[in-house]
Amino acid sequence: MVQLAQQYNVHEMPESGFLVAPEGDYFAIIKATEAKPTKDGQGTFIETKVQLIEHPQYAGHTIIDRINYINNSAEAVRIAEGTMRAISEACNVQVLSATEQWHGIPIIVTVGIEPASGQFQARNSILAYKPSGAPVAPPQQMTPPAGVAPQPTAVQPGYPQAPVQPGTPQPPAGTAPVQGAAPPMSAPTTPAAVAPVAPAQPAAPPVPGTAPVPQAPVDPNAPPF
């Protein structure tokens, strides 16, 4: 019997249950490893505690992976050695002599889900170990919530042009229009006034018995006196 140090209100205590992360790739570290005997006592497995990191919801979640590296089953040993090789390559360990060489190194793990069976609840399992620089499964494409209109395509940079009014004279091809300038206006021209030219006076008839006096030619453009 264990005498508790305090009393607990059972209804205020959290409900029991195992956290199960969705299937996919996660960043993780190997937090601890421990050698334990198998149920039949004939072999040894490495209990590997894998902790998820850098996730907004499942960071800190720990998944147990059991590596049966000493077992009477040759198939179990083959699988265990393959897992040990994958972990070592993910951790960049070339020669493995102790499982502590795996501890605390960021890696990527592929997480699966083992369904509930009998008295055992569903739990996570490790399907693969990969280096931290390996490509991860792309996230699912998010769909906008109901009632949210999709964002319009961005408009390419540029300056909008004002519509051209009918009848507006356009500049010659290749000439940039001047913003805000009015088209040139030509002032009406008034014809210059022309002074009338007086008609030439007829020459006086000659006096009988006298020679005629030669007359100077009349300039039609000369101004009147």
Protein backbone atom coordinates (compact mmCIF):
# COMPACT_ATOMS: atom_id res chain seq x y z
CA MET A 1 0.00 0.00 0.00
CA VAL A 2 1.15 3.54 -0.76
CA GLN A 3 0.02 6.32 1.53
CA LEU A 4 -0.35 9.41 -0.68
CA ALA A 5 1.12 12.69 0.48
CA GLN A 6 -2.13 14.54 -0.24
CA GLN A 7 -5.74 13.94 -1.17
CA TYR A 8 -6.92 14.18 -4.79
CA ASN A 9 -10.31 15.05 -6.20
CA VAL A 10 -10.63 12.27 -8.79
CA HIS A 11 -13.00 14.27 -10.98
CA GLU A 12 -10.46 17.09 -11.32
CA MET A 13 -7.63 14.80 -12.39
CA PRO A 14 -6.84 14.48 -16.12
CA GLU A 15 -8.29 11.58 -18.03
CA SER A 16 -5.99 8.72 -18.93
CA GLY A 17 -5.08 7.99 -22.53
CA PHE A 18 -2.16 7.95 -24.91
CA LEU A 19 -1.34 10.79 -27.25
CA VAL A 20 -1.24 9.58 -30.84
CA ALA A 21 0.39 11.80 -33.45
CA PRO A 22 -0.82 11.66 -37.04
CA GLU A 23 1.20 9.63 -39.50
CA GLY A 24 3.97 11.52 -41.27
CA ASP A 25 7.53 12.79 -40.97
CA TYR A 26 8.70 14.65 -37.86
CA PHE A 27 11.94 16.13 -36.58
CA ALA A 28 13.06 14.19 -33.53
CA ILE A 29 15.93 13.17 -31.27
CA ILE A 30 16.71 9.93 -29.52
CA LYS A 31 16.31 10.89 -25.90
CA ALA A 32 17.39 7.68 -24.18
CA THR A 33 18.21 4.04 -24.81
CA GLU A 34 18.14 1.10 -22.41
CA ALA A 35 18.82 -2.62 -22.79
CA LYS A 36 16.02 -4.85 -21.47
CA PRO A 37 15.40 -8.60 -21.54
CA THR A 38 12.77 -10.11 -23.79
CA LYS A 39 9.68 -11.76 -22.26
CA ASP A 40 11.10 -15.25 -22.63
CA GLY A 41 14.40 -14.16 -21.11
CA GLN A 42 16.30 -15.55 -24.11
CA GLY A 43 17.22 -12.29 -25.71
CA THR A 44 17.73 -8.56 -25.27
CA PHE A 45 16.12 -5.59 -26.93
CA ILE A 46 17.08 -1.91 -26.93
CA GLU A 47 14.24 0.27 -25.69
CA THR A 48 14.69 3.46 -27.69
CA LYS A 49 12.84 6.60 -26.61
CA VAL A 50 12.30 8.88 -29.60
CA GLN A 51 11.12 12.41 -28.79
CA LEU A 52 9.46 14.61 -31.41
CA ILE A 53 10.75 18.19 -31.58
CA GLU A 54 9.99 21.45 -33.42
CA HIS A 55 6.28 20.79 -33.80
CA PRO A 56 3.60 23.21 -32.58
CA GLN A 57 1.37 20.43 -31.22
CA TYR A 58 3.41 17.24 -30.81
CA ALA A 59 6.79 18.54 -29.68
CA GLY A 60 7.81 16.53 -26.63
CA HIS A 61 5.73 13.50 -27.61
CA THR A 62 7.77 10.34 -26.95
CA ILE A 63 7.51 7.15 -29.00
CA ILE A 64 9.05 3.86 -27.88
CA ASP A 65 10.88 1.73 -30.43
CA ARG A 66 12.11 -1.75 -29.45
CA ILE A 67 15.14 -3.14 -31.27
CA ASN A 68 15.59 -6.91 -30.78
CA TYR A 69 19.29 -7.05 -31.48
CA ILE A 70 19.80 -10.30 -29.50
CA ASN A 71 17.12 -12.85 -30.30
CA ASN A 72 16.68 -16.50 -31.22
CA SER A 73 14.89 -15.41 -34.38
CA ALA A 74 17.30 -14.66 -37.20
CA GLU A 75 14.62 -12.53 -38.87
CA ALA A 76 14.22 -10.44 -35.72
CA VAL A 77 17.99 -9.89 -35.56
CA ARG A 78 18.11 -8.94 -39.26
CA ILE A 79 15.37 -6.34 -38.75
CA ALA A 80 17.10 -5.02 -35.61
CA GLU A 81 20.43 -4.62 -37.35
CA GLY A 82 18.74 -2.81 -40.24
CA THR A 83 17.15 -0.41 -37.75
CA MET A 84 20.48 0.15 -35.99
CA ARG A 85 22.12 0.92 -39.33
CA ALA A 86 19.37 3.40 -40.28
CA ILE A 87 19.70 5.22 -36.93
CA SER A 88 23.48 5.34 -37.19
CA GLU A 89 23.38 6.73 -40.73
CA ALA A 90 20.78 9.31 -39.70
CA CYS A 91 23.03 10.36 -36.81
CA ASN A 92 26.19 10.25 -38.99
CA VAL A 93 27.74 7.54 -36.83
CA GLN A 94 30.30 5.54 -38.82
CA VAL A 95 31.35 2.99 -36.17
CA LEU A 96 28.76 2.09 -33.53
CA SER A 97 30.00 0.92 -30.16
CA ALA A 98 27.36 2.36 -27.78
CA THR A 99 23.80 3.58 -28.26
CA GLU A 100 24.70 6.84 -26.51
CA GLN A 101 26.22 7.86 -29.85
CA TRP A 102 22.65 8.35 -31.07
CA HIS A 103 21.50 10.59 -28.24
CA GLY A 104 20.47 14.19 -28.83
CA ILE A 105 21.19 14.35 -32.57
CA PRO A 106 18.36 15.89 -34.66
CA ILE A 107 17.00 13.44 -37.19
CA ILE A 108 13.78 12.81 -39.12
CA VAL A 109 11.50 9.92 -38.25
CA THR A 110 8.54 8.57 -40.16
CA VAL A 111 5.74 7.96 -37.69
CA GLY A 112 3.03 5.34 -38.13
CA ILE A 113 0.04 4.26 -36.04
CA GLU A 114 -0.55 0.79 -34.68
CA PRO A 115 -4.32 0.28 -34.26
CA ALA A 116 -5.83 -0.67 -30.92
CA SER A 117 -5.97 -4.39 -30.22
CA GLY A 118 -7.72 -6.00 -27.26
CA GLN A 119 -6.74 -4.21 -24.09
CA PHE A 120 -4.03 -2.21 -25.85
CA GLN A 121 -4.82 1.26 -27.14
CA ALA A 122 -3.65 2.65 -30.45
CA ARG A 123 -0.10 3.94 -30.33
CA ASN A 124 2.59 5.41 -32.51
CA SER A 125 5.43 3.46 -34.02
CA ILE A 126 8.60 4.41 -35.89
CA LEU A 127 8.64 3.26 -39.49
CA ALA A 128 11.90 4.85 -40.67
CA TYR A 129 14.88 6.94 -39.57
CA LYS A 130 16.42 9.55 -41.88
CA PRO A 131 19.06 12.30 -41.63
CA SER A 132 17.77 15.74 -40.67
CA GLY A 133 18.65 17.09 -44.11
CA ALA A 134 16.56 14.51 -45.95
CA PRO A 135 13.40 15.65 -47.77
CA VAL A 136 10.23 15.30 -45.74
CA ALA A 137 6.72 14.51 -46.86
CA PRO A 138 5.07 17.70 -48.14
CA PRO A 139 2.23 19.04 -46.01
CA GLN A 140 -1.30 18.71 -47.27
CA GLN A 141 -2.60 21.74 -49.18
CA MET A 142 -4.77 23.90 -46.98
CA THR A 143 -8.21 24.93 -48.25
CA PRO A 144 -9.62 28.34 -47.27
CA PRO A 145 -12.37 28.30 -44.62
CA ALA A 146 -15.96 28.57 -45.72
CA GLY A 147 -17.03 32.11 -46.50
CA VAL A 148 -13.52 33.34 -47.27
CA ALA A 149 -13.07 34.44 -50.86
CA PRO A 150 -9.85 33.37 -52.58
CA GLN A 151 -7.25 36.05 -52.93
CA PRO A 152 -7.05 37.61 -56.42
CA THR A 153 -3.94 37.20 -58.46
CA ALA A 154 -1.43 39.97 -57.84
CA VAL A 155 -1.29 42.65 -60.53
CA GLN A 156 2.04 43.15 -62.21
CA PRO A 157 3.69 46.50 -61.42
CA GLY A 158 2.94 49.30 -63.89
CA TYR A 159 1.22 52.60 -64.31
CA PRO A 160 -2.40 52.60 -65.45
CA GLN A 161 -3.17 54.76 -68.46
CA ALA A 162 -6.18 57.09 -68.51
CA PRO A 163 -8.76 56.39 -71.22
CA VAL A 164 -8.39 58.45 -74.36
CA GLN A 165 -11.27 60.84 -74.98
CA PRO A 166 -12.74 60.80 -78.50
CA GLY A 167 -11.34 63.48 -80.72
CA THR A 168 -8.20 64.03 -78.62
CA PRO A 169 -5.14 64.38 -80.90
CA GLN A 170 -2.60 61.63 -80.28
CA PRO A 171 1.19 62.14 -80.30
CA PRO A 172 3.21 60.63 -83.13
CA ALA A 173 4.32 57.00 -82.79
CA GLY A 174 7.31 56.61 -80.50
CA THR A 175 6.68 59.89 -78.67
CA ALA A 176 5.84 59.61 -74.97
CA PRO A 177 2.79 61.65 -73.99
CA VAL A 178 3.30 64.39 -71.44
CA GLN A 179 1.05 63.86 -68.41
CA GLY A 180 -1.21 66.85 -67.69
CA ALA A 181 -0.23 68.89 -70.79
CA ALA A 182 -3.05 70.29 -72.91
CA PRO A 183 -2.81 69.97 -76.69
CA PRO A 184 -1.32 73.11 -78.34
CA MET A 185 -3.87 75.64 -79.57
CA SER A 186 -3.19 77.68 -82.73
CA ALA A 187 -4.48 81.29 -82.63
CA PRO A 188 -6.58 82.37 -85.62
CA THR A 189 -4.71 84.66 -87.99
CA THR A 190 -6.32 87.88 -89.28
CA PRO A 191 -5.33 88.88 -92.83
CA ALA A 192 -3.34 92.14 -92.95
CA ALA A 193 -5.17 95.19 -94.30
CA VAL A 194 -3.97 96.31 -97.75
CA ALA A 195 -4.15 100.02 -98.56
CA PRO A 196 -6.03 100.80 -101.78
CA VAL A 197 -3.92 102.10 -104.66
CA ALA A 198 -5.12 105.29 -106.33
CA PRO A 199 -5.63 104.96 -110.07
CA ALA A 200 -3.17 106.77 -112.29
CA GLN A 201 -4.29 110.21 -113.55
CA PRO A 202 -4.54 110.51 -117.35
CA ALA A 203 -1.94 112.73 -118.96
CA ALA A 204 -2.99 116.25 -119.98
CA PRO A 205 -3.31 116.76 -123.72
CA PRO A 206 -0.33 118.57 -125.30
CA VAL A 207 -0.59 122.25 -126.13
CA PRO A 208 -0.62 122.86 -129.83
CA GLY A 209 2.78 123.77 -131.17
CA THR A 210 4.69 122.32 -128.13
CA ALA A 211 6.52 119.05 -127.79
CA PRO A 212 4.97 116.57 -125.32
CA VAL A 213 6.69 116.13 -121.93
CA PRO A 214 7.60 112.54 -121.23
CA GLN A 215 5.83 111.18 -118.13
CA ALA A 216 7.59 109.02 -115.51
CA PRO A 217 6.15 105.52 -115.20
CA VAL A 218 3.66 105.20 -112.37
CA ASP A 219 4.43 102.59 -109.68
CA PRO A 220 1.15 100.86 -108.91
CA ASN A 221 2.43 99.87 -105.40
CA ALA A 222 3.44 103.42 -104.44
CA PRO A 223 1.48 104.86 -101.49
CA PRO A 224 -0.86 107.70 -102.18
CA PHE A 225 0.12 111.26 -101.31
